[in-house]
PDB file of N, CA and C in Angstrom:
ATOM      1  N   MET A   1     -12.073   1.133   9.060  1.00  0.00           N
ATOM      2  CA  MET A   1     -12.056   0.675   7.668  1.00  0.00           C
ATOM      3  C   MET A   1     -10.932  -0.348   7.508  1.00  0.00           C
ATOM      4  N   ALA A   2     -11.289  -1.463   6.956  1.00  0.00           N
ATOM      5  CA  ALA A   2     -10.279  -2.488   6.708  1.00  0.00           C
ATOM      6  C   ALA A   2      -9.462  -2.118   5.473  1.00  0.00           C
ATOM      7  N   GLU A   3      -8.470  -2.923   5.227  1.00  0.00           N
ATOM      8  CA  GLU A   3      -7.653  -2.700   4.031  1.00  0.00           C
ATOM      9  C   GLU A   3      -8.508  -2.938   2.787  1.00  0.00           C
ATOM     10  N   VAL A   4      -8.142  -2.256   1.717  1.00  0.00           N
ATOM     11  CA  VAL A   4      -8.877  -2.346   0.462  1.00  0.00           C
ATOM     12  C   VAL A   4      -8.035  -3.127  -0.539  1.00  0.00           C
ATOM     13  N   LYS A   5      -8.658  -4.114  -1.180  1.00  0.00           N
ATOM     14  CA  LYS A   5      -7.955  -4.841  -2.243  1.00  0.00           C
ATOM     15  C   LYS A   5      -7.997  -3.973  -3.498  1.00  0.00           C
ATOM     16  N   ILE A   6      -6.814  -3.647  -4.015  1.00  0.00           N
ATOM     17  CA  ILE A   6      -6.715  -2.773  -5.188  1.00  0.00           C
ATOM     18  C   ILE A   6      -6.453  -3.628  -6.426  1.00  0.00           C
ATOM     19  N   THR A   7      -7.234  -3.374  -7.464  1.00  0.00           N
ATOM     20  CA  THR A   7      -7.051  -4.046  -8.753  1.00  0.00           C
ATOM     21  C   THR A   7      -6.943  -2.968  -9.828  1.00  0.00           C
ATOM     22  N   LYS A   8      -6.600  -3.383 -11.029  1.00  0.00           N
ATOM     23  CA  LYS A   8      -6.524  -2.381 -12.098  1.00  0.00           C
ATOM     24  C   LYS A   8      -7.903  -1.773 -12.358  1.00  0.00           C
ATOM     25  N   GLU A   9      -8.973  -2.518 -12.049  1.00  0.00           N
ATOM     26  CA  GLU A   9     -10.326  -2.016 -12.258  1.00  0.00           C
ATOM     27  C   GLU A   9     -10.693  -0.904 -11.272  1.00  0.00           C
ATOM     28  N   ASN A  10     -10.227  -0.998 -10.011  1.00  0.00           N
ATOM     29  CA  ASN A  10     -10.638   0.009  -9.023  1.00  0.00           C
ATOM     30  C   ASN A  10      -9.503   0.956  -8.620  1.00  0.00           C
ATOM     31  N   PHE A  11      -8.316   0.820  -9.231  1.00  0.00           N
ATOM     32  CA  PHE A  11      -7.149   1.621  -8.838  1.00  0.00           C
ATOM     33  C   PHE A  11      -7.430   3.121  -8.930  1.00  0.00           C
ATOM     34  N   GLU A  12      -7.985   3.551 -10.046  1.00  0.00           N
ATOM     35  CA  GLU A  12      -8.223   4.980 -10.238  1.00  0.00           C
ATOM     36  C   GLU A  12      -9.172   5.517  -9.168  1.00  0.00           C
ATOM     37  N   ARG A  13     -10.264   4.796  -8.926  1.00  0.00           N
ATOM     38  CA  ARG A  13     -11.261   5.237  -7.952  1.00  0.00           C
ATOM     39  C   ARG A  13     -10.708   5.199  -6.517  1.00  0.00           C
ATOM     40  N   GLU A  14     -10.064   4.090  -6.138  1.00  0.00           N
ATOM     41  CA  GLU A  14      -9.631   3.892  -4.755  1.00  0.00           C
ATOM     42  C   GLU A  14      -8.354   4.658  -4.404  1.00  0.00           C
ATOM     43  N   VAL A  15      -7.461   4.853  -5.379  1.00  0.00           N
ATOM     44  CA  VAL A  15      -6.166   5.466  -5.086  1.00  0.00           C
ATOM     45  C   VAL A  15      -6.060   6.874  -5.676  1.00  0.00           C
ATOM     46  N   LEU A  16      -6.152   6.981  -6.984  1.00  0.00           N
ATOM     47  CA  LEU A  16      -5.915   8.267  -7.638  1.00  0.00           C
ATOM     48  C   LEU A  16      -6.962   9.312  -7.298  1.00  0.00           C
ATOM     49  N   GLU A  17      -8.232   8.885  -7.125  1.00  0.00           N
ATOM     50  CA  GLU A  17      -9.307   9.836  -6.844  1.00  0.00           C
ATOM     51  C   GLU A  17      -9.640   9.926  -5.357  1.00  0.00           C
ATOM     52  N   SER A  18      -8.876   9.269  -4.498  1.00  0.00           N
ATOM     53  CA  SER A  18      -9.148   9.272  -3.070  1.00  0.00           C
ATOM     54  C   SER A  18      -8.944  10.668  -2.487  1.00  0.00           C
ATOM     55  N   ASN A  19      -9.859  11.084  -1.588  1.00  0.00           N
ATOM     56  CA  ASN A  19      -9.715  12.398  -0.962  1.00  0.00           C
ATOM     57  C   ASN A  19      -8.883  12.325   0.316  1.00  0.00           C
ATOM     58  N   ILE A  20      -8.392  11.132   0.668  1.00  0.00           N
ATOM     59  CA  ILE A  20      -7.463  10.968   1.791  1.00  0.00           C
ATOM     60  C   ILE A  20      -6.222  10.233   1.284  1.00  0.00           C
ATOM     61  N   PRO A  21      -5.071  10.378   1.968  1.00  0.00           N
ATOM     62  CA  PRO A  21      -3.866   9.655   1.532  1.00  0.00           C
ATOM     63  C   PRO A  21      -4.099   8.144   1.508  1.00  0.00           C
ATOM     64  N   VAL A  22      -3.446   7.476   0.561  1.00  0.00           N
ATOM     65  CA  VAL A  22      -3.581   6.027   0.426  1.00  0.00           C
ATOM     66  C   VAL A  22      -2.191   5.394   0.503  1.00  0.00           C
ATOM     67  N   LEU A  23      -2.018   4.493   1.466  1.00  0.00           N
ATOM     68  CA  LEU A  23      -0.784   3.721   1.585  1.00  0.00           C
ATOM     69  C   LEU A  23      -1.009   2.420   0.829  1.00  0.00           C
ATOM     70  N   VAL A  24      -0.292   2.239  -0.268  1.00  0.00           N
ATOM     71  CA  VAL A  24      -0.473   1.063  -1.129  1.00  0.00           C
ATOM     72  C   VAL A  24       0.671   0.090  -0.889  1.00  0.00           C
ATOM     73  N   ASP A  25       0.298  -1.155  -0.594  1.00  0.00           N
ATOM     74  CA  ASP A  25       1.243  -2.232  -0.343  1.00  0.00           C
ATOM     75  C   ASP A  25       1.263  -3.159  -1.553  1.00  0.00           C
ATOM     76  N   PHE A  26       2.394  -3.199  -2.258  1.00  0.00           N
ATOM     77  CA  PHE A  26       2.591  -4.169  -3.333  1.00  0.00           C
ATOM     78  C   PHE A  26       3.178  -5.414  -2.679  1.00  0.00           C
ATOM     79  N   TRP A  27       2.478  -6.552  -2.783  1.00  0.00           N
ATOM     80  CA  TRP A  27       2.861  -7.747  -2.039  1.00  0.00           C
ATOM     81  C   TRP A  27       2.550  -9.015  -2.841  1.00  0.00           C
ATOM     82  N   ALA A  28       2.935 -10.163  -2.286  1.00  0.00           N
ATOM     83  CA  ALA A  28       2.582 -11.475  -2.856  1.00  0.00           C
ATOM     84  C   ALA A  28       2.471 -12.476  -1.717  1.00  0.00           C
ATOM     85  N   THR A  29       1.671 -13.519  -1.931  1.00  0.00           N
ATOM     86  CA  THR A  29       1.432 -14.523  -0.886  1.00  0.00           C
ATOM     87  C   THR A  29       2.707 -15.280  -0.514  1.00  0.00           C
ATOM     88  N   TRP A  30       3.625 -15.450  -1.456  1.00  0.00           N
ATOM     89  CA  TRP A  30       4.845 -16.231  -1.225  1.00  0.00           C
ATOM     90  C   TRP A  30       5.973 -15.412  -0.609  1.00  0.00           C
ATOM     91  N   CYS A  31       5.741 -14.134  -0.361  1.00  0.00           N
ATOM     92  CA  CYS A  31       6.791 -13.213   0.119  1.00  0.00           C
ATOM     93  C   CYS A  31       6.792 -13.173   1.647  1.00  0.00           C
ATOM     94  N   GLY A  32       7.879 -13.660   2.254  1.00  0.00           N
ATOM     95  CA  GLY A  32       7.997 -13.683   3.708  1.00  0.00           C
ATOM     96  C   GLY A  32       7.882 -12.313   4.358  1.00  0.00           C
ATOM     97  N   PRO A  33       8.692 -11.332   3.917  1.00  0.00           N
ATOM     98  CA  PRO A  33       8.577  -9.985   4.508  1.00  0.00           C
ATOM     99  C   PRO A  33       7.181  -9.379   4.322  1.00  0.00           C
ATOM    100  N   CYS A  34       6.508  -9.726   3.220  1.00  0.00           N
ATOM    101  CA  CYS A  34       5.140  -9.229   2.992  1.00  0.00           C
ATOM    102  C   CYS A  34       4.201  -9.770   4.072  1.00  0.00           C
ATOM    103  N   ARG A  35       4.353 -11.055   4.397  1.00  0.00           N
ATOM    104  CA  ARG A  35       3.521 -11.661   5.438  1.00  0.00           C
ATOM    105  C   ARG A  35       3.846 -11.067   6.808  1.00  0.00           C
ATOM    106  N   MET A  36       5.120 -10.709   7.032  1.00  0.00           N
ATOM    107  CA  MET A  36       5.524 -10.112   8.309  1.00  0.00           C
ATOM    108  C   MET A  36       4.937  -8.711   8.493  1.00  0.00           C
ATOM    109  N   ILE A  37       4.839  -7.962   7.411  1.00  0.00           N
ATOM    110  CA  ILE A  37       4.368  -6.579   7.518  1.00  0.00           C
ATOM    111  C   ILE A  37       2.839  -6.495   7.506  1.00  0.00           C
ATOM    112  N   ALA A  38       2.165  -7.546   7.062  1.00  0.00           N
ATOM    113  CA  ALA A  38       0.701  -7.524   6.928  1.00  0.00           C
ATOM    114  C   ALA A  38      -0.024  -7.143   8.222  1.00  0.00           C
ATOM    115  N   PRO A  39       0.307  -7.747   9.381  1.00  0.00           N
ATOM    116  CA  PRO A  39      -0.413  -7.348  10.604  1.00  0.00           C
ATOM    117  C   PRO A  39      -0.148  -5.901  11.007  1.00  0.00           C
ATOM    118  N   VAL A  40       1.040  -5.386  10.703  1.00  0.00           N
ATOM    119  CA  VAL A  40       1.371  -3.990  10.998  1.00  0.00           C
ATOM    120  C   VAL A  40       0.484  -3.070  10.156  1.00  0.00           C
ATOM    121  N   LEU A  41       0.309  -3.424   8.886  1.00  0.00           N
ATOM    122  CA  LEU A  41      -0.529  -2.616   8.001  1.00  0.00           C
ATOM    123  C   LEU A  41      -1.990  -2.674   8.433  1.00  0.00           C
ATOM    124  N   GLU A  42      -2.443  -3.838   8.908  1.00  0.00           N
ATOM    125  CA  GLU A  42      -3.819  -3.954   9.412  1.00  0.00           C
ATOM    126  C   GLU A  42      -4.025  -3.015  10.597  1.00  0.00           C
ATOM    127  N   GLU A  43      -3.058  -2.975  11.506  1.00  0.00           N
ATOM    128  CA  GLU A  43      -3.144  -2.070  12.665  1.00  0.00           C
ATOM    129  C   GLU A  43      -3.217  -0.625  12.216  1.00  0.00           C
ATOM    130  N   ILE A  44      -2.355  -0.265  11.273  1.00  0.00           N
ATOM    131  CA  ILE A  44      -2.340   1.115  10.778  1.00  0.00           C
ATOM    132  C   ILE A  44      -3.673   1.455  10.116  1.00  0.00           C
ATOM    133  N   ALA A  45      -4.236   0.519   9.357  1.00  0.00           N
ATOM    134  CA  ALA A  45      -5.525   0.750   8.696  1.00  0.00           C
ATOM    135  C   ALA A  45      -6.616   1.002   9.734  1.00  0.00           C
ATOM    136  N   GLU A  46      -6.625   0.206  10.811  1.00  0.00           N
ATOM    137  CA  GLU A  46      -7.656   0.361  11.839  1.00  0.00           C
ATOM    138  C   GLU A  46      -7.458   1.645  12.638  1.00  0.00           C
ATOM    139  N   GLU A  47      -6.218   1.932  13.011  1.00  0.00           N
ATOM    140  CA  GLU A  47      -5.940   3.097  13.851  1.00  0.00           C
ATOM    141  C   GLU A  47      -6.126   4.421  13.117  1.00  0.00           C
ATOM    142  N   ASN A  48      -5.999   4.401  11.793  1.00  0.00           N
ATOM    143  CA  ASN A  48      -6.098   5.637  11.005  1.00  0.00           C
ATOM    144  C   ASN A  48      -7.321   5.664  10.102  1.00  0.00           C
ATOM    145  N   ALA A  49      -8.317   4.833  10.422  1.00  0.00           N
ATOM    146  CA  ALA A  49      -9.531   4.767   9.602  1.00  0.00           C
ATOM    147  C   ALA A  49     -10.126   6.160   9.448  1.00  0.00           C
ATOM    148  N   GLY A  50     -10.421   6.535   8.219  1.00  0.00           N
ATOM    149  CA  GLY A  50     -11.002   7.839   7.949  1.00  0.00           C
ATOM    150  C   GLY A  50      -9.983   8.899   7.575  1.00  0.00           C
ATOM    151  N   SER A  51      -8.719   8.712   8.002  1.00  0.00           N
ATOM    152  CA  SER A  51      -7.702   9.708   7.658  1.00  0.00           C
ATOM    153  C   SER A  51      -6.663   9.160   6.684  1.00  0.00           C
ATOM    154  N   ILE A  52      -6.490   7.830   6.680  1.00  0.00           N
ATOM    155  CA  ILE A  52      -5.572   7.169   5.743  1.00  0.00           C
ATOM    156  C   ILE A  52      -6.207   5.868   5.295  1.00  0.00           C
ATOM    157  N   LYS A  53      -6.121   5.601   4.013  1.00  0.00           N
ATOM    158  CA  LYS A  53      -6.619   4.339   3.462  1.00  0.00           C
ATOM    159  C   LYS A  53      -5.411   3.440   3.204  1.00  0.00           C
ATOM    160  N   VAL A  54      -5.555   2.150   3.522  1.00  0.00           N
ATOM    161  CA  VAL A  54      -4.495   1.185   3.224  1.00  0.00           C
ATOM    162  C   VAL A  54      -5.011   0.257   2.131  1.00  0.00           C
ATOM    163  N   GLY A  55      -4.300   0.239   1.009  1.00  0.00           N
ATOM    164  CA  GLY A  55      -4.670  -0.610  -0.118  1.00  0.00           C
ATOM    165  C   GLY A  55      -3.600  -1.655  -0.361  1.00  0.00           C
ATOM    166  N   LYS A  56      -4.043  -2.841  -0.816  1.00  0.00           N
ATOM    167  CA  LYS A  56      -3.108  -3.938  -1.065  1.00  0.00           C
ATOM    168  C   LYS A  56      -3.218  -4.353  -2.526  1.00  0.00           C
ATOM    169  N   ILE A  57      -2.059  -4.438  -3.188  1.00  0.00           N
ATOM    170  CA  ILE A  57      -2.015  -4.889  -4.582  1.00  0.00           C
ATOM    171  C   ILE A  57      -1.177  -6.152  -4.633  1.00  0.00           C
ATOM    172  N   ASN A  58      -1.811  -7.267  -4.975  1.00  0.00           N
ATOM    173  CA  ASN A  58      -1.102  -8.533  -5.133  1.00  0.00           C
ATOM    174  C   ASN A  58      -0.414  -8.498  -6.502  1.00  0.00           C
ATOM    175  N   VAL A  59       0.923  -8.502  -6.492  1.00  0.00           N
ATOM    176  CA  VAL A  59       1.671  -8.341  -7.751  1.00  0.00           C
ATOM    177  C   VAL A  59       1.489  -9.525  -8.694  1.00  0.00           C
ATOM    178  N   ASP A  60       1.133 -10.692  -8.154  1.00  0.00           N
ATOM    179  CA  ASP A  60       0.882 -11.847  -9.014  1.00  0.00           C
ATOM    180  C   ASP A  60      -0.461 -11.716  -9.738  1.00  0.00           C
ATOM    181  N   GLU A  61      -1.431 -11.081  -9.086  1.00  0.00           N
ATOM    182  CA  GLU A  61      -2.758 -10.903  -9.680  1.00  0.00           C
ATOM    183  C   GLU A  61      -2.843  -9.637 -10.520  1.00  0.00           C
ATOM    184  N   GLU A  62      -1.986  -8.653 -10.216  1.00  0.00           N
ATOM    185  CA  GLU A  62      -2.036  -7.352 -10.903  1.00  0.00           C
ATOM    186  C   GLU A  62      -0.657  -6.961 -11.440  1.00  0.00           C
ATOM    187  N   PRO A  63      -0.084  -7.772 -12.345  1.00  0.00           N
ATOM    188  CA  PRO A  63       1.266  -7.468 -12.839  1.00  0.00           C
ATOM    189  C   PRO A  63       1.353  -6.137 -13.583  1.00  0.00           C
ATOM    190  N   GLU A  64       0.241  -5.702 -14.197  1.00  0.00           N
ATOM    191  CA  GLU A  64       0.269  -4.433 -14.933  1.00  0.00           C
ATOM    192  C   GLU A  64       0.521  -3.261 -13.985  1.00  0.00           C
ATOM    193  N   LEU A  65      -0.122  -3.285 -12.820  1.00  0.00           N
ATOM    194  CA  LEU A  65       0.080  -2.194 -11.860  1.00  0.00           C
ATOM    195  C   LEU A  65       1.499  -2.227 -11.314  1.00  0.00           C
ATOM    196  N   ALA A  66       2.015  -3.421 -11.041  1.00  0.00           N
ATOM    197  CA  ALA A  66       3.390  -3.540 -10.548  1.00  0.00           C
ATOM    198  C   ALA A  66       4.371  -2.981 -11.578  1.00  0.00           C
ATOM    199  N   MET A  67       4.145  -3.287 -12.856  1.00  0.00           N
ATOM    200  CA  MET A  67       5.025  -2.782 -13.913  1.00  0.00           C
ATOM    201  C   MET A  67       4.877  -1.269 -14.069  1.00  0.00           C
ATOM    202  N   GLN A  68       3.647  -0.771 -13.990  1.00  0.00           N
ATOM    203  CA  GLN A  68       3.382   0.657 -14.152  1.00  0.00           C
ATOM    204  C   GLN A  68       4.163   1.474 -13.121  1.00  0.00           C
ATOM    205  N   PHE A  69       4.278   0.941 -11.901  1.00  0.00           N
ATOM    206  CA  PHE A  69       4.969   1.670 -10.837  1.00  0.00           C
ATOM    207  C   PHE A  69       6.383   1.143 -10.598  1.00  0.00           C
ATOM    208  N   ARG A  70       6.884   0.369 -11.547  1.00  0.00           N
ATOM    209  CA  ARG A  70       8.264  -0.131 -11.534  1.00  0.00           C
ATOM    210  C   ARG A  70       8.632  -0.826 -10.222  1.00  0.00           C
ATOM    211  N   VAL A  71       7.723  -1.691  -9.764  1.00  0.00           N
ATOM    212  CA  VAL A  71       7.981  -2.442  -8.532  1.00  0.00           C
ATOM    213  C   VAL A  71       8.914  -3.592  -8.867  1.00  0.00           C
ATOM    214  N   ALA A  72      10.130  -3.540  -8.321  1.00  0.00           N
ATOM    215  CA  ALA A  72      11.139  -4.558  -8.585  1.00  0.00           C
ATOM    216  C   ALA A  72      11.286  -5.515  -7.412  1.00  0.00           C
ATOM    217  N   SER A  73      11.028  -5.032  -6.209  1.00  0.00           N
ATOM    218  CA  SER A  73      11.136  -5.840  -4.999  1.00  0.00           C
ATOM    219  C   SER A  73       9.874  -5.637  -4.172  1.00  0.00           C
ATOM    220  N   ILE A  74       9.514  -6.667  -3.412  1.00  0.00           N
ATOM    221  CA  ILE A  74       8.357  -6.539  -2.538  1.00  0.00           C
ATOM    222  C   ILE A  74       8.751  -6.953  -1.132  1.00  0.00           C
ATOM    223  N   PRO A  75       8.091  -6.410  -0.114  1.00  0.00           N
ATOM    224  CA  PRO A  75       7.025  -5.417  -0.227  1.00  0.00           C
ATOM    225  C   PRO A  75       7.549  -4.038  -0.623  1.00  0.00           C
ATOM    226  N   THR A  76       6.804  -3.405  -1.524  1.00  0.00           N
ATOM    227  CA  THR A  76       7.023  -1.991  -1.838  1.00  0.00           C
ATOM    228  C   THR A  76       5.790  -1.248  -1.345  1.00  0.00           C
ATOM    229  N   LEU A  77       6.021  -0.199  -0.579  1.00  0.00           N
ATOM    230  CA  LEU A  77       4.925   0.607  -0.050  1.00  0.00           C
ATOM    231  C   LEU A  77       5.025   2.004  -0.647  1.00  0.00           C
ATOM    232  N   MET A  78       3.899   2.477  -1.189  1.00  0.00           N
ATOM    233  CA  MET A  78       3.847   3.809  -1.774  1.00  0.00           C
ATOM    234  C   MET A  78       2.722   4.582  -1.117  1.00  0.00           C
ATOM    235  N   LEU A  79       3.022   5.811  -0.725  1.00  0.00           N
ATOM    236  CA  LEU A  79       2.015   6.691  -0.157  1.00  0.00           C
ATOM    237  C   LEU A  79       1.561   7.656  -1.247  1.00  0.00           C
ATOM    238  N   PHE A  80       0.292   7.550  -1.603  1.00  0.00           N
ATOM    239  CA  PHE A  80      -0.285   8.429  -2.624  1.00  0.00           C
ATOM    240  C   PHE A  80      -1.033   9.570  -1.944  1.00  0.00           C
ATOM    241  N   LYS A  81      -0.746  10.787  -2.391  1.00  0.00           N
ATOM    242  CA  LYS A  81      -1.482  11.962  -1.929  1.00  0.00           C
ATOM    243  C   LYS A  81      -1.904  12.734  -3.161  1.00  0.00           C
ATOM    244  N   GLY A  82      -3.185  13.007  -3.270  1.00  0.00           N
ATOM    245  CA  GLY A  82      -3.682  13.758  -4.421  1.00  0.00           C
ATOM    246  C   GLY A  82      -3.404  13.070  -5.738  1.00  0.00           C
ATOM    247  N   GLY A  83      -3.408  11.742  -5.738  1.00  0.00           N
ATOM    248  CA  GLY A  83      -3.205  10.982  -6.973  1.00  0.00           C
ATOM    249  C   GLY A  83      -1.755  10.820  -7.389  1.00  0.00           C
ATOM    250  N   GLN A  84      -0.814  11.310  -6.567  1.00  0.00           N
ATOM    251  CA  GLN A  84       0.607  11.219  -6.882  1.00  0.00           C
ATOM    252  C   GLN A  84       1.345  10.439  -5.797  1.00  0.00           C
ATOM    253  N   VAL A  85       2.442   9.767  -6.184  1.00  0.00           N
ATOM    254  CA  VAL A  85       3.281   9.083  -5.203  1.00  0.00           C
ATOM    255  C   VAL A  85       4.053  10.152  -4.432  1.00  0.00           C
ATOM    256  N   ALA A  86       3.785  10.231  -3.119  1.00  0.00           N
ATOM    257  CA  ALA A  86       4.449  11.224  -2.272  1.00  0.00           C
ATOM    258  C   ALA A  86       5.691  10.632  -1.616  1.00  0.00           C
ATOM    259  N   LYS A  87       5.604   9.364  -1.201  1.00  0.00           N
ATOM    260  CA  LYS A  87       6.723   8.690  -0.549  1.00  0.00           C
ATOM    261  C   LYS A  87       6.697   7.224  -0.940  1.00  0.00           C
ATOM    262  N   MET A  88       7.878   6.589  -0.844  1.00  0.00           N
ATOM    263  CA  MET A  88       7.976   5.179  -1.206  1.00  0.00           C
ATOM    264  C   MET A  88       9.041   4.511  -0.353  1.00  0.00           C
ATOM    265  N   THR A  89       8.827   3.260  -0.005  1.00  0.00           N
ATOM    266  CA  THR A  89       9.817   2.482   0.717  1.00  0.00           C
ATOM    267  C   THR A  89       9.751   1.032   0.234  1.00  0.00           C
ATOM    268  N   VAL A  90      10.879   0.352   0.306  1.00  0.00           N
ATOM    269  CA  VAL A  90      10.958  -1.035  -0.143  1.00  0.00           C
ATOM    270  C   VAL A  90      11.474  -1.890   1.006  1.00  0.00           C
ATOM    271  N   GLY A  91      10.851  -3.053   1.190  1.00  0.00           N
ATOM    272  CA  GLY A  91      11.297  -3.969   2.235  1.00  0.00           C
ATOM    273  C   GLY A  91      10.473  -3.832   3.496  1.00  0.00           C
ATOM    274  N   TYR A  92      10.749  -4.716   4.444  1.00  0.00           N
ATOM    275  CA  TYR A  92      10.025  -4.714   5.713  1.00  0.00           C
ATOM    276  C   TYR A  92      10.264  -3.404   6.460  1.00  0.00           C
ATOM    277  N   GLN A  93       9.211  -2.856   7.015  1.00  0.00           N
ATOM    278  CA  GLN A  93       9.288  -1.645   7.825  1.00  0.00           C
ATOM    279  C   GLN A  93       8.590  -1.909   9.155  1.00  0.00           C
ATOM    280  N   THR A  94       9.119  -1.341  10.223  1.00  0.00           N
ATOM    281  CA  THR A  94       8.450  -1.444  11.516  1.00  0.00           C
ATOM    282  C   THR A  94       7.250  -0.506  11.520  1.00  0.00           C
ATOM    283  N   LYS A  95       6.384  -0.693  12.505  1.00  0.00           N
ATOM    284  CA  LYS A  95       5.224   0.195  12.623  1.00  0.00           C
ATOM    285  C   LYS A  95       5.681   1.637  12.806  1.00  0.00           C
ATOM    286  N   GLN A  96       6.711   1.836  13.605  1.00  0.00           N
ATOM    287  CA  GLN A  96       7.222   3.195  13.837  1.00  0.00           C
ATOM    288  C   GLN A  96       7.723   3.820  12.535  1.00  0.00           C
ATOM    289  N   GLN A  97       8.448   3.041  11.719  1.00  0.00           N
ATOM    290  CA  GLN A  97       8.939   3.563  10.446  1.00  0.00           C
ATOM    291  C   GLN A  97       7.779   3.938   9.527  1.00  0.00           C
ATOM    292  N   LEU A  98       6.748   3.096   9.518  1.00  0.00           N
ATOM    293  CA  LEU A  98       5.595   3.389   8.667  1.00  0.00           C
ATOM    294  C   LEU A  98       4.843   4.628   9.155  1.00  0.00           C
ATOM    295  N   GLN A  99       4.724   4.789  10.468  1.00  0.00           N
ATOM    296  CA  GLN A  99       4.053   5.968  10.997  1.00  0.00           C
ATOM    297  C   GLN A  99       4.818   7.233  10.640  1.00  0.00           C
ATOM    298  N   GLN A 100       6.154   7.160  10.650  1.00  0.00           N
ATOM    299  CA  GLN A 100       6.962   8.318  10.242  1.00  0.00           C
ATOM    300  C   GLN A 100       6.725   8.626   8.764  1.00  0.00           C
ATOM    301  N   MET A 101       6.603   7.582   7.949  1.00  0.00           N
ATOM    302  CA  MET A 101       6.345   7.761   6.519  1.00  0.00           C
ATOM    303  C   MET A 101       5.004   8.459   6.306  1.00  0.00           C
ATOM    304  N   LEU A 102       4.040   8.166   7.157  1.00  0.00           N
ATOM    305  CA  LEU A 102       2.696   8.714   7.005  1.00  0.00           C
ATOM    306  C   LEU A 102       2.575  10.142   7.538  1.00  0.00           C
ATOM    307  N   SER A 103       3.517  10.563   8.356  1.00  0.00           N
ATOM    308  CA  SER A 103       3.390  11.885   8.972  1.00  0.00           C
ATOM    309  C   SER A 103       3.890  12.989   8.051  1.00  0.00           C
TER     310      SER A 103
END
């Protein structure tokens, strides 16, 4: 399963109602660290297909969601389990750090 583009229209269905954990990446096209972490997130999405969903929220396109979750810096990554934020990290993370976050 590839990464899922999350919008305010599909957020509830894709994230809050998901029966598997969802790693949500708040990002923007102009953000250098966001571009650096993107291939790592793609790998995680492919390697964990079926057990973890990776969603991407472009903060420029979805400012309401960014404000709702008080995203002040990007990339901000939030792990949702059962519709709740279980873990959160801000800034570039290595693949190993992200895998630890998911475990």
